[in-house]
Amino acid sequence: MANLEEKIERNRRFIDAVDYLIETHVFESQKELSEYTGIMEATISNVRQNRKGVSDKTIRKLIEKFPNVFDINYFKMKPVSMILEKKQTKKSISQEQADAMLFRQTEQEKEMEELRRMLKATLEKVDLLTEKLDQAIRHQKGSEYILSPSKTLATAENTDSVLPSNT
């Protein structure tokens, strides 16, 4: 029975550390923490729900990313504080927060670049479809020339008259 109680307490201590990082805004979510530490999000969820005991390897990953924040003895079930003394960690926490923010910014920049690429591709498709629609309208109307809204605007900016005169 002590083994089950120890597993539950060890899980609680790990989750306390995870929650601390989220509550202090080092990470916005469990997912971000997972990406930064390399700890699978499913592992964190399973530990949180006591479906799985937290492994030494998982704790090691957390400690390696935050060596000056968490006291390793806390995870070894010793009666110590989870956080190292404030005087030791003040600069370290700031560095860890900076690293996490840089990681988050890099991920956001990747997402923005992908969105830009998708928008550019979509606009190219719209331009192609607009041209095809113009061609179909011209073909259907015969010799009459009908301009698309985008071409009408472009033509209006370059000339005084958009439509040919009837004279």
C-alpha atoms as a PDB file:
ATOM      1  CA  MET A   1       0.000   0.000   0.000  1.00  0.00           C
ATOM      2  CA  ALA A   2       2.889   2.352   0.737  1.00  0.00           C
ATOM      3  CA  ASN A   3       4.074   1.822  -2.838  1.00  0.00           C
ATOM      4  CA  LEU A   4       0.762   3.119  -4.265  1.00  0.00           C
ATOM      5  CA  GLU A   5       0.768   6.055  -1.832  1.00  0.00           C
ATOM      6  CA  GLU A   6       4.363   6.853  -2.808  1.00  0.00           C
ATOM      7  CA  LYS A   7       3.458   6.714  -6.522  1.00  0.00           C
ATOM      8  CA  ILE A   8       0.540   9.086  -5.961  1.00  0.00           C
ATOM      9  CA  GLU A   9       2.703  11.485  -3.915  1.00  0.00           C
ATOM     10  CA  ARG A  10       5.491  11.404  -6.501  1.00  0.00           C
ATOM     11  CA  ASN A  11       2.931  12.131  -9.252  1.00  0.00           C
ATOM     12  CA  ARG A  12       1.513  15.001  -7.196  1.00  0.00           C
ATOM     13  CA  ARG A  13       4.955  16.515  -6.771  1.00  0.00           C
ATOM     14  CA  PHE A  14       5.647  16.294 -10.499  1.00  0.00           C
ATOM     15  CA  ILE A  15       2.286  17.861 -11.339  1.00  0.00           C
ATOM     16  CA  ASP A  16       2.926  20.595  -8.765  1.00  0.00           C
ATOM     17  CA  ALA A  17       6.089  21.464 -10.702  1.00  0.00           C
ATOM     18  CA  VAL A  18       4.204  21.430 -14.030  1.00  0.00           C
ATOM     19  CA  ASP A  19       1.454  23.622 -12.580  1.00  0.00           C
ATOM     20  CA  TYR A  20       4.024  25.989 -11.076  1.00  0.00           C
ATOM     21  CA  LEU A  21       5.556  26.593 -14.511  1.00  0.00           C
ATOM     22  CA  ILE A  22       2.120  27.296 -15.995  1.00  0.00           C
ATOM     23  CA  GLU A  23       0.889  29.447 -13.081  1.00  0.00           C
ATOM     24  CA  THR A  24       4.043  31.589 -13.151  1.00  0.00           C
ATOM     25  CA  HIS A  25       3.540  32.064 -16.901  1.00  0.00           C
ATOM     26  CA  VAL A  26       6.769  30.396 -17.910  1.00  0.00           C
ATOM     27  CA  PHE A  27       4.443  28.440 -20.212  1.00  0.00           C
ATOM     28  CA  GLU A  28       0.911  29.220 -21.292  1.00  0.00           C
ATOM     29  CA  SER A  29      -0.162  25.594 -21.437  1.00  0.00           C
ATOM     30  CA  GLN A  30       0.763  22.013 -20.707  1.00  0.00           C
ATOM     31  CA  LYS A  31       1.236  21.570 -24.459  1.00  0.00           C
ATOM     32  CA  GLU A  32       3.894  24.314 -24.618  1.00  0.00           C
ATOM     33  CA  LEU A  33       5.692  22.836 -21.620  1.00  0.00           C
ATOM     34  CA  SER A  34       5.583  19.441 -23.316  1.00  0.00           C
ATOM     35  CA  GLU A  35       7.121  20.820 -26.522  1.00  0.00           C
ATOM     36  CA  TYR A  36       9.872  22.628 -24.605  1.00  0.00           C
ATOM     37  CA  THR A  37      10.854  19.768 -22.291  1.00  0.00           C
ATOM     38  CA  GLY A  38      10.317  16.841 -24.642  1.00  0.00           C
ATOM     39  CA  ILE A  39       7.938  15.240 -22.153  1.00  0.00           C
ATOM     40  CA  MET A  40       4.959  13.824 -24.029  1.00  0.00           C
ATOM     41  CA  GLU A  41       1.724  15.669 -23.310  1.00  0.00           C
ATOM     42  CA  ALA A  42      -0.005  12.302 -22.881  1.00  0.00           C
ATOM     43  CA  THR A  43       2.554  11.381 -20.210  1.00  0.00           C
ATOM     44  CA  ILE A  44       1.769  14.552 -18.260  1.00  0.00           C
ATOM     45  CA  SER A  45      -1.969  13.862 -18.560  1.00  0.00           C
ATOM     46  CA  ASN A  46      -1.568  10.229 -17.465  1.00  0.00           C
ATOM     47  CA  VAL A  47       0.532  11.265 -14.462  1.00  0.00           C
ATOM     48  CA  ARG A  48      -1.966  14.021 -13.621  1.00  0.00           C
ATOM     49  CA  GLN A  49      -4.775  11.435 -13.542  1.00  0.00           C
ATOM     50  CA  ASN A  50      -2.653   8.807 -11.731  1.00  0.00           C
ATOM     51  CA  ARG A  51      -3.041   6.387 -14.629  1.00  0.00           C
ATOM     52  CA  LYS A  52       0.736   6.156 -14.754  1.00  0.00           C
ATOM     53  CA  GLY A  53       3.552   6.748 -12.306  1.00  0.00           C
ATOM     54  CA  VAL A  54       6.019   9.474 -13.240  1.00  0.00           C
ATOM     55  CA  SER A  55       9.332   7.926 -14.267  1.00  0.00           C
ATOM     56  CA  ASP A  56      12.821   9.003 -13.259  1.00  0.00           C
ATOM     57  CA  LYS A  57      13.488   9.767 -16.935  1.00  0.00           C
ATOM     58  CA  THR A  58      10.531  12.178 -17.083  1.00  0.00           C
ATOM     59  CA  ILE A  59      11.614  13.940 -13.909  1.00  0.00           C
ATOM     60  CA  ARG A  60      15.165  14.139 -15.257  1.00  0.00           C
ATOM     61  CA  LYS A  61      13.897  15.858 -18.422  1.00  0.00           C
ATOM     62  CA  LEU A  62      12.133  18.476 -16.302  1.00  0.00           C
ATOM     63  CA  ILE A  63      15.144  19.022 -14.043  1.00  0.00           C
ATOM     64  CA  GLU A  64      17.509  19.301 -17.035  1.00  0.00           C
ATOM     65  CA  LYS A  65      15.419  22.118 -18.521  1.00  0.00           C
ATOM     66  CA  PHE A  66      15.081  23.882 -15.143  1.00  0.00           C
ATOM     67  CA  PRO A  67      18.247  22.983 -13.235  1.00  0.00           C
ATOM     68  CA  ASN A  68      18.280  26.073 -11.025  1.00  0.00           C
ATOM     69  CA  VAL A  69      14.567  26.140 -10.293  1.00  0.00           C
ATOM     70  CA  PHE A  70      13.543  22.782  -8.855  1.00  0.00           C
ATOM     71  CA  ASP A  71      15.225  20.905  -6.025  1.00  0.00           C
ATOM     72  CA  ILE A  72      15.907  17.332  -7.207  1.00  0.00           C
ATOM     73  CA  ASN A  73      15.468  16.112  -3.622  1.00  0.00           C
ATOM     74  CA  TYR A  74      11.820  17.154  -3.756  1.00  0.00           C
ATOM     75  CA  PHE A  75      11.220  14.545  -6.458  1.00  0.00           C
ATOM     76  CA  LYS A  76      13.173  11.975  -4.449  1.00  0.00           C
ATOM     77  CA  MET A  77      10.429  12.265  -1.830  1.00  0.00           C
ATOM     78  CA  LYS A  78      12.583  14.143   0.659  1.00  0.00           C
ATOM     79  CA  PRO A  79      10.970  16.773   2.882  1.00  0.00           C
ATOM     80  CA  VAL A  80      12.325  19.828   1.067  1.00  0.00           C
ATOM     81  CA  SER A  81      10.810  22.711  -0.817  1.00  0.00           C
ATOM     82  CA  MET A  82      10.086  22.134  -4.511  1.00  0.00           C
ATOM     83  CA  ILE A  83      11.704  25.455  -5.447  1.00  0.00           C
ATOM     84  CA  LEU A  84      15.330  26.182  -4.684  1.00  0.00           C
ATOM     85  CA  GLU A  85      15.941  29.153  -2.429  1.00  0.00           C
ATOM     86  CA  LYS A  86      14.841  32.429  -4.020  1.00  0.00           C
ATOM     87  CA  LYS A  87      18.296  34.004  -3.788  1.00  0.00           C
ATOM     88  CA  GLN A  88      19.660  31.182  -5.967  1.00  0.00           C
ATOM     89  CA  THR A  89      16.854  31.162  -8.488  1.00  0.00           C
ATOM     90  CA  LYS A  90      15.989  34.803  -9.094  1.00  0.00           C
ATOM     91  CA  LYS A  91      18.290  35.106 -12.140  1.00  0.00           C
ATOM     92  CA  SER A  92      17.752  31.483 -13.177  1.00  0.00           C
ATOM     93  CA  ILE A  93      13.985  31.787 -13.283  1.00  0.00           C
ATOM     94  CA  SER A  94      14.312  34.885 -15.418  1.00  0.00           C
ATOM     95  CA  GLN A  95      16.647  33.036 -17.776  1.00  0.00           C
ATOM     96  CA  GLU A  96      14.290  30.058 -17.922  1.00  0.00           C
ATOM     97  CA  GLN A  97      11.372  32.389 -18.602  1.00  0.00           C
ATOM     98  CA  ALA A  98      13.379  34.095 -21.336  1.00  0.00           C
ATOM     99  CA  ASP A  99      14.255  30.731 -22.884  1.00  0.00           C
ATOM    100  CA  ALA A 100      10.623  29.637 -22.760  1.00  0.00           C
ATOM    101  CA  MET A 101       9.437  32.920 -24.284  1.00  0.00           C
ATOM    102  CA  LEU A 102      12.024  32.639 -27.041  1.00  0.00           C
ATOM    103  CA  PHE A 103      10.850  29.096 -27.719  1.00  0.00           C
ATOM    104  CA  ARG A 104       7.215  30.251 -27.793  1.00  0.00           C
ATOM    105  CA  GLN A 105       8.087  33.171 -30.105  1.00  0.00           C
ATOM    106  CA  THR A 106       9.945  30.861 -32.486  1.00  0.00           C
ATOM    107  CA  GLU A 107       6.946  28.538 -32.628  1.00  0.00           C
ATOM    108  CA  GLN A 108       4.610  31.473 -33.280  1.00  0.00           C
ATOM    109  CA  GLU A 109       6.873  32.777 -36.054  1.00  0.00           C
ATOM    110  CA  LYS A 110       6.790  29.345 -37.703  1.00  0.00           C
ATOM    111  CA  GLU A 111       2.991  29.357 -37.505  1.00  0.00           C
ATOM    112  CA  MET A 112       2.821  32.902 -38.946  1.00  0.00           C
ATOM    113  CA  GLU A 113       5.090  31.949 -41.850  1.00  0.00           C
ATOM    114  CA  GLU A 114       2.894  28.944 -42.607  1.00  0.00           C
ATOM    115  CA  LEU A 115      -0.212  31.171 -42.495  1.00  0.00           C
ATOM    116  CA  ARG A 116       1.464  33.673 -44.868  1.00  0.00           C
ATOM    117  CA  ARG A 117       2.332  30.848 -47.254  1.00  0.00           C
ATOM    118  CA  MET A 118      -1.245  29.549 -47.148  1.00  0.00           C
ATOM    119  CA  LEU A 119      -2.673  33.058 -47.690  1.00  0.00           C
ATOM    120  CA  LYS A 120      -0.380  33.649 -50.670  1.00  0.00           C
ATOM    121  CA  ALA A 121      -1.410  30.327 -52.232  1.00  0.00           C
ATOM    122  CA  THR A 122      -5.083  31.149 -51.648  1.00  0.00           C
ATOM    123  CA  LEU A 123      -4.718  34.587 -53.233  1.00  0.00           C
ATOM    124  CA  GLU A 124      -2.996  33.054 -56.239  1.00  0.00           C
ATOM    125  CA  LYS A 125      -5.937  30.656 -56.615  1.00  0.00           C
ATOM    126  CA  VAL A 126      -8.405  33.551 -56.351  1.00  0.00           C
ATOM    127  CA  ASP A 127      -6.506  35.466 -59.038  1.00  0.00           C
ATOM    128  CA  LEU A 128      -6.485  32.403 -61.304  1.00  0.00           C
ATOM    129  CA  LEU A 129     -10.197  31.795 -60.775  1.00  0.00           C
ATOM    130  CA  THR A 130     -10.944  35.471 -61.415  1.00  0.00           C
ATOM    131  CA  GLU A 131      -9.032  35.324 -64.706  1.00  0.00           C
ATOM    132  CA  LYS A 132     -10.850  32.143 -65.740  1.00  0.00           C
ATOM    133  CA  LEU A 133     -14.188  33.743 -64.883  1.00  0.00           C
ATOM    134  CA  ASP A 134     -13.272  36.826 -66.946  1.00  0.00           C
ATOM    135  CA  GLN A 135     -12.356  34.597 -69.883  1.00  0.00           C
ATOM    136  CA  ALA A 136     -15.606  32.638 -69.593  1.00  0.00           C
ATOM    137  CA  ILE A 137     -17.658  35.847 -69.480  1.00  0.00           C
ATOM    138  CA  ARG A 138     -15.800  37.281 -72.487  1.00  0.00           C
ATOM    139  CA  HIS A 139     -16.322  34.052 -74.394  1.00  0.00           C
ATOM    140  CA  GLN A 140     -20.029  33.954 -73.524  1.00  0.00           C
ATOM    141  CA  LYS A 141     -20.605  37.628 -74.405  1.00  0.00           C
ATOM    142  CA  GLY A 142     -18.686  37.408 -77.638  1.00  0.00           C
ATOM    143  CA  SER A 143     -16.801  40.546 -78.530  1.00  0.00           C
ATOM    144  CA  GLU A 144     -18.031  42.565 -75.550  1.00  0.00           C
ATOM    145  CA  TYR A 145     -15.317  43.024 -72.979  1.00  0.00           C
ATOM    146  CA  ILE A 146     -16.355  42.920 -69.337  1.00  0.00           C
ATOM    147  CA  LEU A 147     -13.769  43.691 -66.697  1.00  0.00           C
ATOM    148  CA  SER A 148     -13.486  41.916 -63.348  1.00  0.00           C
ATOM    149  CA  PRO A 149     -13.818  44.089 -60.229  1.00  0.00           C
ATOM    150  CA  SER A 150     -10.072  43.890 -59.581  1.00  0.00           C
ATOM    151  CA  LYS A 151      -9.244  44.783 -63.199  1.00  0.00           C
ATOM    152  CA  THR A 152     -11.829  47.566 -63.160  1.00  0.00           C
ATOM    153  CA  LEU A 153     -10.111  49.115 -60.159  1.00  0.00           C
ATOM    154  CA  ALA A 154      -6.653  48.698 -61.695  1.00  0.00           C
ATOM    155  CA  THR A 155      -7.840  50.173 -65.007  1.00  0.00           C
ATOM    156  CA  ALA A 156      -9.575  53.076 -63.246  1.00  0.00           C
ATOM    157  CA  GLU A 157      -6.357  53.944 -61.481  1.00  0.00           C
ATOM    158  CA  ASN A 158      -4.410  53.968 -64.766  1.00  0.00           C
ATOM    159  CA  THR A 159      -6.871  55.707 -67.110  1.00  0.00           C
ATOM    160  CA  ASP A 160      -9.571  58.352 -67.044  1.00  0.00           C
ATOM    161  CA  SER A 161     -12.279  56.046 -68.371  1.00  0.00           C
ATOM    162  CA  VAL A 162     -12.902  52.414 -67.517  1.00  0.00           C
ATOM    163  CA  LEU A 163     -15.454  51.594 -70.209  1.00  0.00           C
ATOM    164  CA  PRO A 164     -14.997  52.272 -73.931  1.00  0.00           C
ATOM    165  CA  SER A 165     -17.124  55.118 -75.313  1.00  0.00           C
ATOM    166  CA  ASN A 166     -20.060  54.337 -77.595  1.00  0.00           C
ATOM    167  CA  THR A 167     -19.115  56.969 -80.185  1.00  0.00           C
END
